[in-house]
Amino acid sequence: MLRAVRINVSGLVQGVGFRYCTVLSAQKYHIKGYVKNEPDGSVTAVAQGEEEMLAKFITEVKRSPSPVGRVDQYHITDISPDEYTRFSVRY
């Protein structure tokens, strides 16, 4: 079943390759959507995929896909699926 979420993470998540590593994780789990930096220093990802694969992706994002990043807090909200065709970085 297709599920979509918005994940906002804070901690050491900007300037450490977090977005790039999130894209690689999304590709590994066939997740569609995007990731972007927020003005407050957090990072937001909008992700959708099959429930099992999305759960694995969320687990990686909560741990920080970047080896030098660190997630201190996260907030996950279910959202309606959209027509994403890939996972990308938004600016």
PDB file of N, CA and C in Angstrom:
ATOM      1  N   MET A   1       0.844  -1.182   0.000  1.00  0.00           N
ATOM      2  CA  MET A   1       0.000   0.000   0.000  1.00  0.00           C
ATOM      3  C   MET A   1       0.887   1.243   0.000  1.00  0.00           C
ATOM      4  N   LEU A   2       0.537   2.208  -0.813  1.00  0.00           N
ATOM      5  CA  LEU A   2       1.297   3.444  -0.931  1.00  0.00           C
ATOM      6  C   LEU A   2       1.016   4.354   0.263  1.00  0.00           C
ATOM      7  N   ARG A   3       2.097   4.902   0.833  1.00  0.00           N
ATOM      8  CA  ARG A   3       1.995   5.815   1.975  1.00  0.00           C
ATOM      9  C   ARG A   3       2.914   6.997   1.713  1.00  0.00           C
ATOM     10  N   ALA A   4       2.516   8.171   2.188  1.00  0.00           N
ATOM     11  CA  ALA A   4       3.341   9.376   2.043  1.00  0.00           C
ATOM     12  C   ALA A   4       3.455  10.067   3.392  1.00  0.00           C
ATOM     13  N   VAL A   5       4.659  10.604   3.662  1.00  0.00           N
ATOM     14  CA  VAL A   5       4.913  11.293   4.925  1.00  0.00           C
ATOM     15  C   VAL A   5       5.752  12.539   4.681  1.00  0.00           C
ATOM     16  N   ARG A   6       5.660  13.457   5.627  1.00  0.00           N
ATOM     17  CA  ARG A   6       6.576  14.601   5.703  1.00  0.00           C
ATOM     18  C   ARG A   6       7.408  14.371   6.960  1.00  0.00           C
ATOM     19  N   ILE A   7       8.724  14.381   6.799  1.00  0.00           N
ATOM     20  CA  ILE A   7       9.645  14.168   7.913  1.00  0.00           C
ATOM     21  C   ILE A   7      10.463  15.438   8.082  1.00  0.00           C
ATOM     22  N   ASN A   8      10.451  15.994   9.277  1.00  0.00           N
ATOM     23  CA  ASN A   8      11.304  17.144   9.566  1.00  0.00           C
ATOM     24  C   ASN A   8      12.292  16.710  10.636  1.00  0.00           C
ATOM     25  N   VAL A   9      13.585  16.902  10.363  1.00  0.00           N
ATOM     26  CA  VAL A   9      14.624  16.508  11.306  1.00  0.00           C
ATOM     27  C   VAL A   9      15.468  17.720  11.666  1.00  0.00           C
ATOM     28  N   SER A  10      15.940  17.739  12.911  1.00  0.00           N
ATOM     29  CA  SER A  10      16.841  18.796  13.347  1.00  0.00           C
ATOM     30  C   SER A  10      18.016  18.165  14.074  1.00  0.00           C
ATOM     31  N   GLY A  11      19.070  18.924  14.175  1.00  0.00           N
ATOM     32  CA  GLY A  11      20.318  18.453  14.774  1.00  0.00           C
ATOM     33  C   GLY A  11      21.446  18.942  13.879  1.00  0.00           C
ATOM     34  N   LEU A  12      22.440  18.114  13.648  1.00  0.00           N
ATOM     35  CA  LEU A  12      23.524  18.440  12.726  1.00  0.00           C
ATOM     36  C   LEU A  12      23.133  17.863  11.366  1.00  0.00           C
ATOM     37  N   VAL A  13      22.282  18.594  10.636  1.00  0.00           N
ATOM     38  CA  VAL A  13      21.693  18.062   9.400  1.00  0.00           C
ATOM     39  C   VAL A  13      21.920  18.957   8.182  1.00  0.00           C
ATOM     40  N   GLN A  14      22.534  20.109   8.363  1.00  0.00           N
ATOM     41  CA  GLN A  14      22.866  20.952   7.215  1.00  0.00           C
ATOM     42  C   GLN A  14      24.376  21.096   7.136  1.00  0.00           C
ATOM     43  N   GLY A  15      24.895  21.041   5.906  1.00  0.00           N
ATOM     44  CA  GLY A  15      26.323  21.185   5.692  1.00  0.00           C
ATOM     45  C   GLY A  15      27.119  19.914   5.946  1.00  0.00           C
ATOM     46  N   VAL A  16      26.441  18.770   6.029  1.00  0.00           N
ATOM     47  CA  VAL A  16      27.118  17.506   6.318  1.00  0.00           C
ATOM     48  C   VAL A  16      26.773  16.413   5.305  1.00  0.00           C
ATOM     49  N   GLY A  17      26.188  16.793   4.166  1.00  0.00           N
ATOM     50  CA  GLY A  17      25.810  15.815   3.148  1.00  0.00           C
ATOM     51  C   GLY A  17      24.519  15.083   3.453  1.00  0.00           C
ATOM     52  N   PHE A  18      23.729  15.605   4.368  1.00  0.00           N
ATOM     53  CA  PHE A  18      22.496  14.940   4.779  1.00  0.00           C
ATOM     54  C   PHE A  18      21.539  14.771   3.600  1.00  0.00           C
ATOM     55  N   ARG A  19      21.332  15.836   2.829  1.00  0.00           N
ATOM     56  CA  ARG A  19      20.387  15.740   1.705  1.00  0.00           C
ATOM     57  C   ARG A  19      20.872  14.737   0.665  1.00  0.00           C
ATOM     58  N   TYR A  20      22.146  14.795   0.325  1.00  0.00           N
ATOM     59  CA  TYR A  20      22.705  13.864  -0.669  1.00  0.00           C
ATOM     60  C   TYR A  20      22.523  12.414  -0.203  1.00  0.00           C
ATOM     61  N   CYS A  21      22.859  12.145   1.044  1.00  0.00           N
ATOM     62  CA  CYS A  21      22.720  10.789   1.573  1.00  0.00           C
ATOM     63  C   CYS A  21      21.256  10.361   1.656  1.00  0.00           C
ATOM     64  N   THR A  22      20.353  11.323   1.892  1.00  0.00           N
ATOM     65  CA  THR A  22      18.924  11.021   1.908  1.00  0.00           C
ATOM     66  C   THR A  22      18.453  10.600   0.518  1.00  0.00           C
ATOM     67  N   VAL A  23      18.955  11.264  -0.512  1.00  0.00           N
ATOM     68  CA  VAL A  23      18.636  10.868  -1.893  1.00  0.00           C
ATOM     69  C   VAL A  23      19.100   9.438  -2.148  1.00  0.00           C
ATOM     70  N   LEU A  24      20.307   9.101  -1.722  1.00  0.00           N
ATOM     71  CA  LEU A  24      20.815   7.733  -1.920  1.00  0.00           C
ATOM     72  C   LEU A  24      19.941   6.714  -1.189  1.00  0.00           C
ATOM     73  N   SER A  25      19.513   7.030   0.025  1.00  0.00           N
ATOM     74  CA  SER A  25      18.616   6.131   0.761  1.00  0.00           C
ATOM     75  C   SER A  25      17.289   5.978   0.038  1.00  0.00           C
ATOM     76  N   ALA A  26      16.765   7.077  -0.468  1.00  0.00           N
ATOM     77  CA  ALA A  26      15.492   7.027  -1.196  1.00  0.00           C
ATOM     78  C   ALA A  26      15.617   6.142  -2.433  1.00  0.00           C
ATOM     79  N   GLN A  27      16.713   6.255  -3.140  1.00  0.00           N
ATOM     80  CA  GLN A  27      16.920   5.424  -4.326  1.00  0.00           C
ATOM     81  C   GLN A  27      16.990   3.948  -3.944  1.00  0.00           C
ATOM     82  N   LYS A  28      17.660   3.656  -2.840  1.00  0.00           N
ATOM     83  CA  LYS A  28      17.805   2.270  -2.382  1.00  0.00           C
ATOM     84  C   LYS A  28      16.441   1.637  -2.091  1.00  0.00           C
ATOM     85  N   TYR A  29      15.519   2.435  -1.548  1.00  0.00           N
ATOM     86  CA  TYR A  29      14.209   1.909  -1.152  1.00  0.00           C
ATOM     87  C   TYR A  29      13.081   2.281  -2.123  1.00  0.00           C
ATOM     88  N   HIS A  30      13.431   2.814  -3.287  1.00  0.00           N
ATOM     89  CA  HIS A  30      12.448   3.162  -4.324  1.00  0.00           C
ATOM     90  C   HIS A  30      11.417   4.169  -3.813  1.00  0.00           C
ATOM     91  N   ILE A  31      11.903   5.178  -3.090  1.00  0.00           N
ATOM     92  CA  ILE A  31      11.056   6.218  -2.526  1.00  0.00           C
ATOM     93  C   ILE A  31      11.033   7.407  -3.474  1.00  0.00           C
ATOM     94  N   LYS A  32       9.897   8.026  -3.615  1.00  0.00           N
ATOM     95  CA  LYS A  32       9.725   9.222  -4.443  1.00  0.00           C
ATOM     96  C   LYS A  32       9.457  10.418  -3.535  1.00  0.00           C
ATOM     97  N   GLY A  33       9.801  11.625  -4.014  1.00  0.00           N
ATOM     98  CA  GLY A  33       9.543  12.834  -3.247  1.00  0.00           C
ATOM     99  C   GLY A  33      10.706  13.789  -3.337  1.00  0.00           C
ATOM    100  N   TYR A  34      11.015  14.446  -2.221  1.00  0.00           N
ATOM    101  CA  TYR A  34      12.115  15.411  -2.228  1.00  0.00           C
ATOM    102  C   TYR A  34      12.617  15.664  -0.808  1.00  0.00           C
ATOM    103  N   VAL A  35      13.781  16.313  -0.741  1.00  0.00           N
ATOM    104  CA  VAL A  35      14.375  16.726   0.524  1.00  0.00           C
ATOM    105  C   VAL A  35      14.862  18.158   0.355  1.00  0.00           C
ATOM    106  N   LYS A  36      14.739  18.969   1.414  1.00  0.00           N
ATOM    107  CA  LYS A  36      15.191  20.357   1.314  1.00  0.00           C
ATOM    108  C   LYS A  36      15.611  20.889   2.679  1.00  0.00           C
ATOM    109  N   ASN A  37      16.554  21.845   2.650  1.00  0.00           N
ATOM    110  CA  ASN A  37      16.950  22.554   3.854  1.00  0.00           C
ATOM    111  C   ASN A  37      15.882  23.574   4.208  1.00  0.00           C
ATOM    112  N   GLU A  38      15.696  23.788   5.502  1.00  0.00           N
ATOM    113  CA  GLU A  38      14.773  24.798   5.988  1.00  0.00           C
ATOM    114  C   GLU A  38      15.568  25.969   6.560  1.00  0.00           C
ATOM    115  N   PRO A  39      14.994  27.182   6.550  1.00  0.00           N
ATOM    116  CA  PRO A  39      15.694  28.362   7.080  1.00  0.00           C
ATOM    117  C   PRO A  39      16.095  28.238   8.557  1.00  0.00           C
ATOM    118  N   ASP A  40      15.372  27.417   9.328  1.00  0.00           N
ATOM    119  CA  ASP A  40      15.679  27.279  10.761  1.00  0.00           C
ATOM    120  C   ASP A  40      16.803  26.290  11.051  1.00  0.00           C
ATOM    121  N   GLY A  41      17.430  25.727   9.992  1.00  0.00           N
ATOM    122  CA  GLY A  41      18.531  24.782  10.177  1.00  0.00           C
ATOM    123  C   GLY A  41      18.105  23.324  10.143  1.00  0.00           C
ATOM    124  N   SER A  42      16.809  23.075  10.058  1.00  0.00           N
ATOM    125  CA  SER A  42      16.324  21.697   9.965  1.00  0.00           C
ATOM    126  C   SER A  42      16.281  21.269   8.498  1.00  0.00           C
ATOM    127  N   VAL A  43      15.932  20.012   8.276  1.00  0.00           N
ATOM    128  CA  VAL A  43      15.764  19.465   6.933  1.00  0.00           C
ATOM    129  C   VAL A  43      14.400  18.795   6.881  1.00  0.00           C
ATOM    130  N   THR A  44      13.688  19.014   5.782  1.00  0.00           N
ATOM    131  CA  THR A  44      12.390  18.377   5.560  1.00  0.00           C
ATOM    132  C   THR A  44      12.473  17.451   4.356  1.00  0.00           C
ATOM    133  N   ALA A  45      11.920  16.257   4.511  1.00  0.00           N
ATOM    134  CA  ALA A  45      11.788  15.317   3.398  1.00  0.00           C
ATOM    135  C   ALA A  45      10.318  14.980   3.232  1.00  0.00           C
ATOM    136  N   VAL A  46       9.859  14.992   2.000  1.00  0.00           N
ATOM    137  CA  VAL A  46       8.536  14.483   1.658  1.00  0.00           C
ATOM    138  C   VAL A  46       8.800  13.185   0.913  1.00  0.00           C
ATOM    139  N   ALA A  47       8.272  12.089   1.449  1.00  0.00           N
ATOM    140  CA  ALA A  47       8.613  10.776   0.919  1.00  0.00           C
ATOM    141  C   ALA A  47       7.370   9.923   0.763  1.00  0.00           C
ATOM    142  N   GLN A  48       7.322   9.181  -0.339  1.00  0.00           N
ATOM    143  CA  GLN A  48       6.223   8.253  -0.526  1.00  0.00           C
ATOM    144  C   GLN A  48       6.736   6.986  -1.184  1.00  0.00           C
ATOM    145  N   GLY A  49       6.111   5.902  -0.796  1.00  0.00           N
ATOM    146  CA  GLY A  49       6.488   4.604  -1.335  1.00  0.00           C
ATOM    147  C   GLY A  49       5.654   3.520  -0.694  1.00  0.00           C
ATOM    148  N   GLU A  50       5.991   2.293  -1.030  1.00  0.00           N
ATOM    149  CA  GLU A  50       5.301   1.165  -0.419  1.00  0.00           C
ATOM    150  C   GLU A  50       5.620   1.145   1.073  1.00  0.00           C
ATOM    151  N   GLU A  51       4.652   0.800   1.870  1.00  0.00           N
ATOM    152  CA  GLU A  51       4.734   0.897   3.332  1.00  0.00           C
ATOM    153  C   GLU A  51       6.020   0.291   3.905  1.00  0.00           C
ATOM    154  N   GLU A  52       6.368  -0.919   3.503  1.00  0.00           N
ATOM    155  CA  GLU A  52       7.550  -1.599   4.056  1.00  0.00           C
ATOM    156  C   GLU A  52       8.838  -0.847   3.704  1.00  0.00           C
ATOM    157  N   MET A  53       8.963  -0.429   2.465  1.00  0.00           N
ATOM    158  CA  MET A  53      10.165   0.297   2.033  1.00  0.00           C
ATOM    159  C   MET A  53      10.219   1.683   2.675  1.00  0.00           C
ATOM    160  N   LEU A  54       9.075   2.333   2.807  1.00  0.00           N
ATOM    161  CA  LEU A  54       9.031   3.646   3.434  1.00  0.00           C
ATOM    162  C   LEU A  54       9.459   3.548   4.899  1.00  0.00           C
ATOM    163  N   ALA A  55       9.065   2.495   5.576  1.00  0.00           N
ATOM    164  CA  ALA A  55       9.461   2.303   6.982  1.00  0.00           C
ATOM    165  C   ALA A  55      10.982   2.185   7.094  1.00  0.00           C
ATOM    166  N   LYS A  56      11.615   1.471   6.175  1.00  0.00           N
ATOM    167  CA  LYS A  56      13.076   1.342   6.190  1.00  0.00           C
ATOM    168  C   LYS A  56      13.746   2.686   5.919  1.00  0.00           C
ATOM    169  N   PHE A  57      13.195   3.438   4.972  1.00  0.00           N
ATOM    170  CA  PHE A  57      13.720   4.765   4.660  1.00  0.00           C
ATOM    171  C   PHE A  57      13.613   5.685   5.876  1.00  0.00           C
ATOM    172  N   ILE A  58      12.464   5.686   6.524  1.00  0.00           N
ATOM    173  CA  ILE A  58      12.257   6.527   7.706  1.00  0.00           C
ATOM    174  C   ILE A  58      13.267   6.171   8.796  1.00  0.00           C
ATOM    175  N   THR A  59      13.502   4.903   9.003  1.00  0.00           N
ATOM    176  CA  THR A  59      14.482   4.473  10.010  1.00  0.00           C
ATOM    177  C   THR A  59      15.854   5.052   9.705  1.00  0.00           C
ATOM    178  N   GLU A  60      16.282   5.019   8.443  1.00  0.00           N
ATOM    179  CA  GLU A  60      17.581   5.585   8.074  1.00  0.00           C
ATOM    180  C   GLU A  60      17.628   7.089   8.276  1.00  0.00           C
ATOM    181  N   VAL A  61      16.560   7.776   7.908  1.00  0.00           N
ATOM    182  CA  VAL A  61      16.536   9.235   8.063  1.00  0.00           C
ATOM    183  C   VAL A  61      16.581   9.608   9.545  1.00  0.00           C
ATOM    184  N   LYS A  62      15.876   8.883  10.390  1.00  0.00           N
ATOM    185  CA  LYS A  62      15.881   9.181  11.821  1.00  0.00           C
ATOM    186  C   LYS A  62      17.260   8.976  12.438  1.00  0.00           C
ATOM    187  N   ARG A  63      18.061   8.079  11.890  1.00  0.00           N
ATOM    188  CA  ARG A  63      19.415   7.825  12.387  1.00  0.00           C
ATOM    189  C   ARG A  63      20.451   8.729  11.733  1.00  0.00           C
ATOM    190  N   SER A  64      20.086   9.428  10.688  1.00  0.00           N
ATOM    191  CA  SER A  64      20.940  10.262   9.833  1.00  0.00           C
ATOM    192  C   SER A  64      21.640   9.400   8.797  1.00  0.00           C
ATOM    193  N   PRO A  65      21.230   9.543   7.534  1.00  0.00           N
ATOM    194  CA  PRO A  65      21.898   8.794   6.473  1.00  0.00           C
ATOM    195  C   PRO A  65      23.328   9.282   6.239  1.00  0.00           C
ATOM    196  N   SER A  66      23.646  10.490   6.693  1.00  0.00           N
ATOM    197  CA  SER A  66      24.990  11.039   6.572  1.00  0.00           C
ATOM    198  C   SER A  66      25.855  10.519   7.720  1.00  0.00           C
ATOM    199  N   PRO A  67      27.025   9.970   7.424  1.00  0.00           N
ATOM    200  CA  PRO A  67      27.863   9.440   8.501  1.00  0.00           C
ATOM    201  C   PRO A  67      28.360  10.514   9.478  1.00  0.00           C
ATOM    202  N   VAL A  68      28.369  11.775   9.062  1.00  0.00           N
ATOM    203  CA  VAL A  68      28.822  12.844   9.967  1.00  0.00           C
ATOM    204  C   VAL A  68      27.656  13.672  10.501  1.00  0.00           C
ATOM    205  N   GLY A  69      26.442  13.378  10.065  1.00  0.00           N
ATOM    206  CA  GLY A  69      25.270  14.093  10.556  1.00  0.00           C
ATOM    207  C   GLY A  69      24.773  13.499  11.857  1.00  0.00           C
ATOM    208  N   ARG A  70      23.830  14.231  12.468  1.00  0.00           N
ATOM    209  CA  ARG A  70      23.245  13.764  13.725  1.00  0.00           C
ATOM    210  C   ARG A  70      21.811  14.300  13.813  1.00  0.00           C
ATOM    211  N   VAL A  71      20.871  13.419  14.025  1.00  0.00           N
ATOM    212  CA  VAL A  71      19.475  13.817  14.203  1.00  0.00           C
ATOM    213  C   VAL A  71      19.183  13.844  15.697  1.00  0.00           C
ATOM    214  N   ASP A  72      18.806  15.019  16.192  1.00  0.00           N
ATOM    215  CA  ASP A  72      18.443  15.170  17.601  1.00  0.00           C
ATOM    216  C   ASP A  72      16.934  15.044  17.807  1.00  0.00           C
ATOM    217  N   GLN A  73      16.163  15.553  16.858  1.00  0.00           N
ATOM    218  CA  GLN A  73      14.702  15.499  16.944  1.00  0.00           C
ATOM    219  C   GLN A  73      14.135  15.245  15.561  1.00  0.00           C
ATOM    220  N   TYR A  74      12.976  14.616  15.521  1.00  0.00           N
ATOM    221  CA  TYR A  74      12.279  14.417  14.258  1.00  0.00           C
ATOM    222  C   TYR A  74      10.780  14.464  14.499  1.00  0.00           C
ATOM    223  N   HIS A  75      10.075  14.838  13.451  1.00  0.00           N
ATOM    224  CA  HIS A  75       8.612  14.884  13.498  1.00  0.00           C
ATOM    225  C   HIS A  75       8.107  14.313  12.176  1.00  0.00           C
ATOM    226  N   ILE A  76       7.214  13.347  12.238  1.00  0.00           N
ATOM    227  CA  ILE A  76       6.694  12.675  11.047  1.00  0.00           C
ATOM    228  C   ILE A  76       5.193  12.893  10.977  1.00  0.00           C
ATOM    229  N   THR A  77       4.723  13.348   9.810  1.00  0.00           N
ATOM    230  CA  THR A  77       3.304  13.592   9.582  1.00  0.00           C
ATOM    231  C   THR A  77       2.867  12.827   8.335  1.00  0.00           C
ATOM    232  N   ASP A  78       1.778  12.093   8.425  1.00  0.00           N
ATOM    233  CA  ASP A  78       1.219  11.447   7.238  1.00  0.00           C
ATOM    234  C   ASP A  78       0.586  12.510   6.352  1.00  0.00           C
ATOM    235  N   ILE A  79       0.803  12.392   5.047  1.00  0.00           N
ATOM    236  CA  ILE A  79       0.229  13.310   4.066  1.00  0.00           C
ATOM    237  C   ILE A  79      -0.368  12.501   2.926  1.00  0.00           C
ATOM    238  N   SER A  80      -1.085  13.168   2.038  1.00  0.00           N
ATOM    239  CA  SER A  80      -1.663  12.495   0.882  1.00  0.00           C
ATOM    240  C   SER A  80      -0.588  12.235  -0.169  1.00  0.00           C
ATOM    241  N   PRO A  81      -0.589  11.047  -0.782  1.00  0.00           N
ATOM    242  CA  PRO A  81       0.370  10.773  -1.854  1.00  0.00           C
ATOM    243  C   PRO A  81       0.199  11.753  -3.006  1.00  0.00           C
ATOM    244  N   ASP A  82       1.286  11.991  -3.723  1.00  0.00           N
ATOM    245  CA  ASP A  82       1.281  12.898  -4.861  1.00  0.00           C
ATOM    246  C   ASP A  82       1.843  12.160  -6.076  1.00  0.00           C
ATOM    247  N   GLU A  83       2.039  12.863  -7.153  1.00  0.00           N
ATOM    248  CA  GLU A  83       2.496  12.262  -8.411  1.00  0.00           C
ATOM    249  C   GLU A  83       4.005  12.398  -8.609  1.00  0.00           C
ATOM    250  N   TYR A  84       4.817  12.148  -7.589  1.00  0.00           N
ATOM    251  CA  TYR A  84       6.266  12.246  -7.740  1.00  0.00           C
ATOM    252  C   TYR A  84       6.775  11.121  -8.630  1.00  0.00           C
ATOM    253  N   THR A  85       7.768  11.437  -9.452  1.00  0.00           N
ATOM    254  CA  THR A  85       8.343  10.428 -10.340  1.00  0.00           C
ATOM    255  C   THR A  85       9.748  10.014  -9.919  1.00  0.00           C
ATOM    256  N   ARG A  86      10.329  10.778  -8.992  1.00  0.00           N
ATOM    257  CA  ARG A  86      11.676  10.478  -8.501  1.00  0.00           C
ATOM    258  C   ARG A  86      11.863  11.157  -7.160  1.00  0.00           C
ATOM    259  N   PHE A  87      13.051  11.013  -6.571  1.00  0.00           N
ATOM    260  CA  PHE A  87      13.376  11.690  -5.323  1.00  0.00           C
ATOM    261  C   PHE A  87      14.489  12.673  -5.637  1.00  0.00           C
ATOM    262  N   SER A  88      14.314  13.926  -5.228  1.00  0.00           N
ATOM    263  CA  SER A  88      15.275  14.968  -5.598  1.00  0.00           C
ATOM    264  C   SER A  88      15.535  15.927  -4.440  1.00  0.00           C
ATOM    265  N   VAL A  89      16.551  16.749  -4.629  1.00  0.00           N
ATOM    266  CA  VAL A  89      16.858  17.825  -3.692  1.00  0.00           C
ATOM    267  C   VAL A  89      16.156  19.072  -4.188  1.00  0.00           C
ATOM    268  N   ARG A  90      15.448  19.737  -3.300  1.00  0.00           N
ATOM    269  CA  ARG A  90      14.830  21.033  -3.635  1.00  0.00           C
ATOM    270  C   ARG A  90      15.600  22.134  -2.943  1.00  0.00           C
ATOM    271  N   TYR A  91      15.666  23.268  -3.592  1.00  0.00           N
ATOM    272  CA  TYR A  91      16.409  24.424  -3.047  1.00  0.00           C
ATOM    273  C   TYR A  91      15.476  25.558  -2.706  1.00  0.00           C
TER     274      TYR A  91
END
